[in-house]
N, C-alpha and C. Protein backbone atom coordinates (compact mmCIF):
# COMPACT_ATOMS: atom_id res chain seq x y z
N THR A 1 83.33 98.83 89.62
CA THR A 1 82.64 98.28 90.78
C THR A 1 82.65 99.28 91.92
N MET A 2 81.88 98.98 92.93
CA MET A 2 81.83 99.85 94.12
C MET A 2 83.18 99.92 94.83
N PHE A 3 83.91 98.81 94.83
CA PHE A 3 85.22 98.77 95.47
C PHE A 3 86.18 99.73 94.79
N ARG A 4 86.18 99.76 93.46
CA ARG A 4 87.07 100.67 92.73
C ARG A 4 86.71 102.12 93.02
N LEU A 5 85.40 102.42 93.06
CA LEU A 5 84.96 103.78 93.36
C LEU A 5 85.36 104.17 94.78
N TRP A 6 85.11 103.26 95.74
CA TRP A 6 85.49 103.54 97.14
C TRP A 6 86.98 103.80 97.23
N SER A 7 87.80 102.94 96.58
CA SER A 7 89.25 103.11 96.67
C SER A 7 89.70 104.42 96.01
N LEU A 8 89.04 104.84 94.94
CA LEU A 8 89.38 106.11 94.30
C LEU A 8 89.14 107.27 95.27
N GLN A 9 88.06 107.21 96.02
CA GLN A 9 87.71 108.29 96.94
C GLN A 9 88.48 108.23 98.26
N ASN A 10 88.84 107.02 98.73
CA ASN A 10 89.37 106.87 100.08
C ASN A 10 90.80 106.35 100.19
N ALA A 11 91.26 105.64 99.20
CA ALA A 11 92.60 105.04 99.25
C ALA A 11 93.18 105.05 97.84
N PHE A 12 93.65 106.22 97.41
CA PHE A 12 94.06 106.40 96.02
C PHE A 12 95.12 105.40 95.57
N LEU A 13 96.09 105.10 96.43
CA LEU A 13 97.13 104.15 96.03
C LEU A 13 96.55 102.77 95.74
N LEU A 14 95.55 102.37 96.53
CA LEU A 14 94.88 101.10 96.27
C LEU A 14 94.19 101.14 94.91
N TRP A 15 93.52 102.23 94.61
CA TRP A 15 92.87 102.40 93.31
C TRP A 15 93.90 102.29 92.18
N LEU A 16 95.06 102.91 92.38
CA LEU A 16 96.09 102.97 91.37
C LEU A 16 96.63 101.59 90.98
N VAL A 17 96.70 100.65 91.94
CA VAL A 17 97.25 99.32 91.63
C VAL A 17 96.20 98.39 91.03
N ARG A 18 94.95 98.84 90.91
CA ARG A 18 93.87 98.15 90.19
C ARG A 18 93.53 96.76 90.70
N PRO A 19 93.26 96.63 92.00
CA PRO A 19 92.86 95.30 92.49
C PRO A 19 91.50 94.91 91.91
N LYS A 20 91.31 93.62 91.72
CA LYS A 20 90.04 93.10 91.21
C LYS A 20 89.53 92.06 92.21
N ILE A 21 88.27 92.20 92.60
CA ILE A 21 87.67 91.20 93.47
C ILE A 21 87.28 90.01 92.60
N VAL A 22 87.91 88.88 92.85
CA VAL A 22 87.65 87.65 92.11
C VAL A 22 86.46 86.92 92.74
N GLU A 23 86.44 86.90 94.07
CA GLU A 23 85.37 86.23 94.81
C GLU A 23 85.24 86.89 96.17
N LEU A 24 83.99 87.10 96.60
CA LEU A 24 83.75 87.69 97.92
C LEU A 24 82.42 87.19 98.46
N ASN A 25 82.49 86.56 99.63
CA ASN A 25 81.28 86.19 100.36
C ASN A 25 81.61 86.25 101.85
N GLU A 26 80.70 85.80 102.71
CA GLU A 26 80.92 85.92 104.16
C GLU A 26 82.05 85.04 104.67
N ASN A 27 82.46 84.04 103.89
CA ASN A 27 83.47 83.10 104.35
C ASN A 27 84.82 83.22 103.66
N HIS A 28 84.85 83.89 102.52
CA HIS A 28 86.00 83.78 101.64
C HIS A 28 86.16 85.06 100.82
N CYS A 29 87.41 85.48 100.63
CA CYS A 29 87.67 86.63 99.75
C CYS A 29 88.92 86.34 98.93
N VAL A 30 88.82 86.60 97.64
CA VAL A 30 89.96 86.46 96.73
C VAL A 30 90.08 87.76 95.94
N VAL A 31 91.27 88.35 95.98
CA VAL A 31 91.56 89.60 95.28
C VAL A 31 92.79 89.36 94.40
N ARG A 32 92.77 89.93 93.18
CA ARG A 32 93.91 89.81 92.28
C ARG A 32 94.45 91.20 91.97
N ILE A 33 95.77 91.33 92.02
CA ILE A 33 96.44 92.57 91.62
C ILE A 33 97.38 92.22 90.47
N PRO A 34 97.23 92.94 89.34
CA PRO A 34 98.10 92.64 88.19
C PRO A 34 99.53 93.14 88.41
N LEU A 35 100.46 92.39 87.84
CA LEU A 35 101.85 92.85 87.80
C LEU A 35 101.97 93.71 86.55
N ASN A 36 102.27 94.99 86.74
CA ASN A 36 102.38 95.91 85.61
C ASN A 36 103.43 96.97 85.93
N TRP A 37 103.53 97.98 85.10
CA TRP A 37 104.57 98.99 85.27
C TRP A 37 104.44 99.76 86.58
N ILE A 38 103.26 99.80 87.17
CA ILE A 38 103.07 100.50 88.44
C ILE A 38 103.46 99.61 89.62
N THR A 39 103.14 98.33 89.54
CA THR A 39 103.30 97.42 90.68
C THR A 39 104.62 96.65 90.65
N ARG A 40 105.38 96.72 89.56
CA ARG A 40 106.61 95.92 89.40
C ARG A 40 107.86 96.72 89.74
N HIS A 41 108.70 96.13 90.56
CA HIS A 41 110.02 96.69 90.86
C HIS A 41 110.86 96.54 89.59
N ARG A 42 111.42 97.61 89.10
CA ARG A 42 112.10 97.58 87.81
C ARG A 42 113.36 96.71 87.78
N ASP A 43 114.07 96.61 88.91
CA ASP A 43 115.33 95.86 88.92
C ASP A 43 115.13 94.35 89.04
N ILE A 44 114.14 93.93 89.81
CA ILE A 44 113.99 92.48 90.02
C ILE A 44 112.77 91.91 89.29
N HIS A 45 112.00 92.77 88.63
CA HIS A 45 110.84 92.34 87.82
C HIS A 45 109.83 91.54 88.64
N ALA A 46 109.64 91.93 89.87
CA ALA A 46 108.66 91.29 90.76
C ALA A 46 107.85 92.39 91.45
N MET A 47 106.72 92.00 92.01
CA MET A 47 105.82 92.97 92.64
C MET A 47 106.48 93.60 93.87
N TYR A 48 106.26 94.91 94.00
CA TYR A 48 106.75 95.65 95.16
C TYR A 48 106.16 95.08 96.45
N LEU A 49 106.94 95.10 97.51
CA LEU A 49 106.49 94.66 98.82
C LEU A 49 105.28 95.47 99.29
N GLY A 50 105.28 96.75 99.05
CA GLY A 50 104.15 97.60 99.45
C GLY A 50 102.86 97.22 98.75
N THR A 51 102.97 96.85 97.48
CA THR A 51 101.78 96.41 96.73
C THR A 51 101.26 95.09 97.29
N LEU A 52 102.17 94.18 97.65
CA LEU A 52 101.76 92.92 98.26
C LEU A 52 101.01 93.18 99.58
N CYS A 53 101.50 94.13 100.35
CA CYS A 53 100.82 94.46 101.62
C CYS A 53 99.43 95.06 101.36
N MET A 54 99.30 95.88 100.31
CA MET A 54 97.98 96.43 99.97
C MET A 54 97.01 95.33 99.57
N GLY A 55 97.48 94.34 98.84
CA GLY A 55 96.63 93.22 98.45
C GLY A 55 96.17 92.43 99.65
N ALA A 56 97.08 92.19 100.60
CA ALA A 56 96.72 91.48 101.83
C ALA A 56 95.70 92.28 102.63
N ASP A 57 95.90 93.59 102.71
CA ASP A 57 94.97 94.48 103.42
C ASP A 57 93.57 94.38 102.80
N ALA A 58 93.50 94.43 101.47
CA ALA A 58 92.21 94.37 100.79
C ALA A 58 91.52 93.04 101.03
N ALA A 59 92.25 91.93 100.86
CA ALA A 59 91.66 90.60 101.04
C ALA A 59 91.21 90.38 102.48
N ALA A 60 91.95 90.91 103.42
CA ALA A 60 91.60 90.74 104.84
C ALA A 60 90.44 91.65 105.24
N GLY A 61 90.36 92.84 104.66
CA GLY A 61 89.37 93.81 105.09
C GLY A 61 88.03 93.76 104.38
N LEU A 62 88.00 93.21 103.17
CA LEU A 62 86.76 93.25 102.39
C LEU A 62 85.61 92.46 103.02
N ILE A 63 85.91 91.33 103.64
CA ILE A 63 84.84 90.57 104.28
C ILE A 63 84.22 91.40 105.40
N ALA A 64 85.07 92.01 106.24
CA ALA A 64 84.57 92.85 107.34
C ALA A 64 83.80 94.05 106.78
N PHE A 65 84.34 94.69 105.78
CA PHE A 65 83.70 95.85 105.17
C PHE A 65 82.31 95.48 104.66
N ASN A 66 82.22 94.34 103.99
CA ASN A 66 80.96 93.86 103.43
C ASN A 66 79.94 93.52 104.54
N LEU A 67 80.40 92.81 105.56
CA LEU A 67 79.51 92.44 106.67
C LEU A 67 78.95 93.68 107.37
N VAL A 68 79.82 94.62 107.66
CA VAL A 68 79.40 95.84 108.37
C VAL A 68 78.45 96.66 107.50
N ALA A 69 78.76 96.80 106.22
CA ALA A 69 77.91 97.60 105.32
C ALA A 69 76.55 96.94 105.13
N ARG A 70 76.54 95.63 104.92
CA ARG A 70 75.28 94.93 104.67
C ARG A 70 74.35 94.94 105.88
N ARG A 71 74.93 94.84 107.07
CA ARG A 71 74.13 94.85 108.30
C ARG A 71 73.86 96.27 108.79
N LYS A 72 74.44 97.25 108.10
CA LYS A 72 74.36 98.65 108.53
C LYS A 72 74.78 98.76 110.00
N ALA A 73 75.78 97.97 110.35
CA ALA A 73 76.28 97.93 111.73
C ALA A 73 77.11 99.17 112.01
N ARG A 74 76.96 99.68 113.20
CA ARG A 74 77.73 100.84 113.63
C ARG A 74 79.01 100.35 114.31
N VAL A 75 79.97 99.98 113.46
CA VAL A 75 81.24 99.41 113.95
C VAL A 75 82.39 100.09 113.21
N ASN A 76 83.41 100.47 113.97
CA ASN A 76 84.66 100.96 113.37
C ASN A 76 85.65 99.81 113.36
N PHE A 77 86.40 99.66 112.27
CA PHE A 77 87.44 98.65 112.28
C PHE A 77 88.70 99.17 111.60
N ILE A 78 89.82 98.71 112.13
CA ILE A 78 91.13 99.07 111.60
C ILE A 78 92.05 97.85 111.72
N PHE A 79 93.15 97.90 110.99
CA PHE A 79 94.18 96.89 111.19
C PHE A 79 95.20 97.45 112.17
N LYS A 80 95.44 96.68 113.21
CA LYS A 80 96.35 97.10 114.27
C LYS A 80 97.81 96.82 113.90
N ASP A 81 98.04 95.70 113.23
CA ASP A 81 99.40 95.38 112.79
C ASP A 81 99.35 94.41 111.61
N ILE A 82 100.50 94.22 111.01
CA ILE A 82 100.62 93.28 109.88
C ILE A 82 101.97 92.59 109.99
N ARG A 83 101.96 91.28 109.77
CA ARG A 83 103.19 90.50 109.72
C ARG A 83 103.20 89.76 108.37
N GLY A 84 104.29 89.89 107.67
CA GLY A 84 104.38 89.24 106.37
C GLY A 84 105.62 88.39 106.25
N SER A 85 105.47 87.25 105.60
CA SER A 85 106.61 86.40 105.26
C SER A 85 106.65 86.35 103.73
N PHE A 86 107.75 86.81 103.17
CA PHE A 86 107.90 86.87 101.73
C PHE A 86 108.77 85.70 101.30
N LEU A 87 108.16 84.73 100.63
CA LEU A 87 108.78 83.44 100.39
C LEU A 87 109.43 83.30 99.01
N ARG A 88 108.82 83.91 98.01
CA ARG A 88 109.31 83.84 96.63
C ARG A 88 109.03 85.18 95.96
N ARG A 89 109.70 85.44 94.85
CA ARG A 89 109.40 86.64 94.08
C ARG A 89 108.03 86.48 93.41
N ALA A 90 107.25 87.55 93.45
CA ALA A 90 105.93 87.56 92.81
C ALA A 90 106.12 88.09 91.39
N GLU A 91 106.40 87.19 90.44
CA GLU A 91 106.74 87.56 89.07
C GLU A 91 105.57 87.41 88.12
N GLY A 92 104.36 87.71 88.60
CA GLY A 92 103.16 87.66 87.80
C GLY A 92 102.01 88.25 88.59
N ASP A 93 100.81 88.20 88.02
CA ASP A 93 99.63 88.69 88.75
C ASP A 93 99.49 87.91 90.05
N VAL A 94 99.22 88.63 91.14
CA VAL A 94 99.17 88.00 92.46
C VAL A 94 97.73 87.86 92.93
N VAL A 95 97.41 86.68 93.44
CA VAL A 95 96.08 86.39 93.98
C VAL A 95 96.21 86.29 95.50
N PHE A 96 95.39 87.07 96.19
CA PHE A 96 95.39 87.11 97.66
C PHE A 96 94.13 86.41 98.16
N THR A 97 94.30 85.40 99.02
CA THR A 97 93.17 84.59 99.48
C THR A 97 93.03 84.66 100.99
N ASN A 98 91.81 84.96 101.42
CA ASN A 98 91.45 85.01 102.84
C ASN A 98 90.29 84.04 103.06
N ASN A 99 90.51 83.03 103.89
CA ASN A 99 89.46 82.06 104.22
C ASN A 99 88.98 82.20 105.66
N ASP A 100 89.24 83.34 106.29
CA ASP A 100 88.90 83.55 107.70
C ASP A 100 87.55 84.23 107.90
N GLY A 101 86.63 84.07 106.96
CA GLY A 101 85.31 84.68 107.09
C GLY A 101 84.59 84.35 108.38
N PRO A 102 84.53 83.07 108.81
CA PRO A 102 83.85 82.75 110.06
C PRO A 102 84.46 83.48 111.27
N LEU A 103 85.78 83.63 111.28
CA LEU A 103 86.45 84.37 112.35
C LEU A 103 86.03 85.84 112.34
N ILE A 104 85.94 86.43 111.15
CA ILE A 104 85.55 87.84 111.02
C ILE A 104 84.08 88.02 111.39
N GLN A 105 83.23 87.08 111.01
CA GLN A 105 81.81 87.14 111.39
C GLN A 105 81.67 87.14 112.91
N ASP A 106 82.43 86.28 113.58
CA ASP A 106 82.40 86.22 115.04
C ASP A 106 82.92 87.52 115.65
N LEU A 107 83.95 88.09 115.05
CA LEU A 107 84.50 89.35 115.54
C LEU A 107 83.46 90.48 115.46
N VAL A 108 82.75 90.58 114.34
CA VAL A 108 81.70 91.59 114.19
C VAL A 108 80.61 91.38 115.25
N LYS A 109 80.22 90.14 115.46
CA LYS A 109 79.18 89.82 116.45
C LYS A 109 79.63 90.24 117.86
N ARG A 110 80.86 89.89 118.22
CA ARG A 110 81.38 90.26 119.54
C ARG A 110 81.47 91.77 119.71
N ALA A 111 81.89 92.47 118.67
CA ALA A 111 82.00 93.93 118.74
C ALA A 111 80.63 94.58 118.94
N LEU A 112 79.61 94.04 118.27
CA LEU A 112 78.26 94.61 118.39
C LEU A 112 77.62 94.31 119.75
N GLU A 113 78.08 93.26 120.43
CA GLU A 113 77.47 92.86 121.70
C GLU A 113 78.08 93.54 122.91
N SER A 114 79.15 94.32 122.73
CA SER A 114 79.76 94.98 123.89
C SER A 114 80.32 96.34 123.48
N ASP A 115 80.76 97.08 124.46
CA ASP A 115 81.37 98.38 124.21
C ASP A 115 82.90 98.29 124.19
N GLU A 116 83.42 97.08 124.29
CA GLU A 116 84.87 96.86 124.32
C GLU A 116 85.42 96.72 122.90
N ARG A 117 86.71 96.94 122.76
CA ARG A 117 87.40 96.69 121.50
C ARG A 117 87.73 95.20 121.43
N HIS A 118 87.52 94.59 120.26
CA HIS A 118 87.81 93.17 120.05
C HIS A 118 88.76 93.02 118.88
N GLU A 119 89.61 91.98 118.94
CA GLU A 119 90.61 91.77 117.91
C GLU A 119 90.65 90.31 117.48
N ALA A 120 91.09 90.09 116.26
CA ALA A 120 91.31 88.74 115.74
C ALA A 120 92.40 88.81 114.68
N THR A 121 93.14 87.73 114.54
CA THR A 121 94.20 87.65 113.54
C THR A 121 93.66 86.99 112.27
N VAL A 122 93.74 87.73 111.17
CA VAL A 122 93.24 87.27 109.87
C VAL A 122 94.45 86.86 109.03
N HIS A 123 94.33 85.70 108.38
CA HIS A 123 95.42 85.15 107.56
C HIS A 123 95.12 85.32 106.07
N VAL A 124 96.12 85.77 105.34
CA VAL A 124 96.00 85.94 103.89
C VAL A 124 97.21 85.26 103.24
N THR A 125 96.94 84.52 102.17
CA THR A 125 98.00 83.87 101.41
C THR A 125 98.05 84.50 100.02
N ALA A 126 99.25 84.84 99.58
CA ALA A 126 99.46 85.42 98.24
C ALA A 126 100.11 84.36 97.36
N SER A 127 99.58 84.22 96.14
CA SER A 127 100.15 83.25 95.20
C SER A 127 100.17 83.85 93.80
N VAL A 128 100.95 83.23 92.93
CA VAL A 128 101.02 83.62 91.52
C VAL A 128 100.65 82.37 90.72
N PRO A 129 99.34 82.11 90.56
CA PRO A 129 98.89 80.87 89.94
C PRO A 129 99.46 80.62 88.55
N ALA A 130 99.65 81.66 87.75
CA ALA A 130 100.14 81.48 86.37
C ALA A 130 101.56 80.91 86.34
N LYS A 131 102.35 81.19 87.37
CA LYS A 131 103.75 80.73 87.38
C LYS A 131 104.01 79.63 88.40
N LEU A 132 103.32 79.67 89.56
CA LEU A 132 103.66 78.76 90.66
C LEU A 132 102.48 77.95 91.17
N GLY A 133 101.34 78.02 90.52
CA GLY A 133 100.17 77.28 90.99
C GLY A 133 99.73 77.78 92.36
N ASP A 134 99.49 76.84 93.27
CA ASP A 134 99.03 77.20 94.62
C ASP A 134 100.16 77.51 95.59
N GLU A 135 101.41 77.39 95.15
CA GLU A 135 102.54 77.66 96.05
C GLU A 135 102.53 79.13 96.48
N PRO A 136 102.55 79.40 97.78
CA PRO A 136 102.51 80.80 98.22
C PRO A 136 103.82 81.55 97.92
N VAL A 137 103.65 82.82 97.54
CA VAL A 137 104.82 83.69 97.42
C VAL A 137 104.97 84.53 98.68
N ALA A 138 103.87 84.65 99.44
CA ALA A 138 103.90 85.39 100.70
C ALA A 138 102.71 84.95 101.55
N THR A 139 102.88 85.08 102.87
CA THR A 139 101.77 84.87 103.80
C THR A 139 101.72 86.06 104.73
N PHE A 140 100.52 86.40 105.15
CA PHE A 140 100.32 87.57 106.00
C PHE A 140 99.42 87.23 107.17
N GLU A 141 99.69 87.88 108.30
CA GLU A 141 98.81 87.86 109.45
C GLU A 141 98.53 89.31 109.80
N LEU A 142 97.25 89.69 109.80
CA LEU A 142 96.84 91.05 110.10
C LEU A 142 95.92 91.02 111.31
N THR A 143 96.17 91.86 112.28
CA THR A 143 95.28 91.94 113.44
C THR A 143 94.18 92.95 113.14
N LEU A 144 92.96 92.43 113.03
CA LEU A 144 91.78 93.25 112.77
C LEU A 144 91.18 93.64 114.11
N SER A 145 90.99 94.92 114.32
CA SER A 145 90.48 95.46 115.58
C SER A 145 89.16 96.15 115.32
N MET A 146 88.13 95.80 116.12
CA MET A 146 86.78 96.37 115.94
C MET A 146 86.22 96.86 117.25
N LYS A 147 85.43 97.93 117.12
CA LYS A 147 84.72 98.45 118.29
C LYS A 147 83.43 99.08 117.81
N LYS A 148 82.36 98.85 118.57
CA LYS A 148 81.07 99.44 118.27
C LYS A 148 81.17 100.96 118.42
N LYS A 149 80.57 101.68 117.47
CA LYS A 149 80.55 103.15 117.55
C LYS A 149 79.66 103.56 118.71
N SER A 150 80.11 104.58 119.43
CA SER A 150 79.29 105.04 120.57
C SER A 150 78.30 106.09 120.15
């Protein structure tokens, strides 16, 4: 997919952990990262914290990336910070879910309408459906920061 190609060229570590876009639209993004020899901590047999953060980054950023690319909008965006709560061991493939599409759409609109930097907090939930159903193994809050290119 285009995401895999982009990650190979721009974020090699993301490419290496092999995220798969399960669902992506303007309102919702779901990304899955497999638990394998690259993503699993050998001593506790659970996904590395860094891999969990990469999954949250992808799920939070893909809606914005898609909106900006589709509109050919001249907007730069970055994550300003990340807060994570790690609730359970991720002992299987992890699914990262972002339902903050309307918030991100509004952020893009505000950024395009002014020369100021705008921010919003995007929420991502990580789960291991094969082992724990919908129970979260981690939750994330990422501050997405956008500004129109000058």
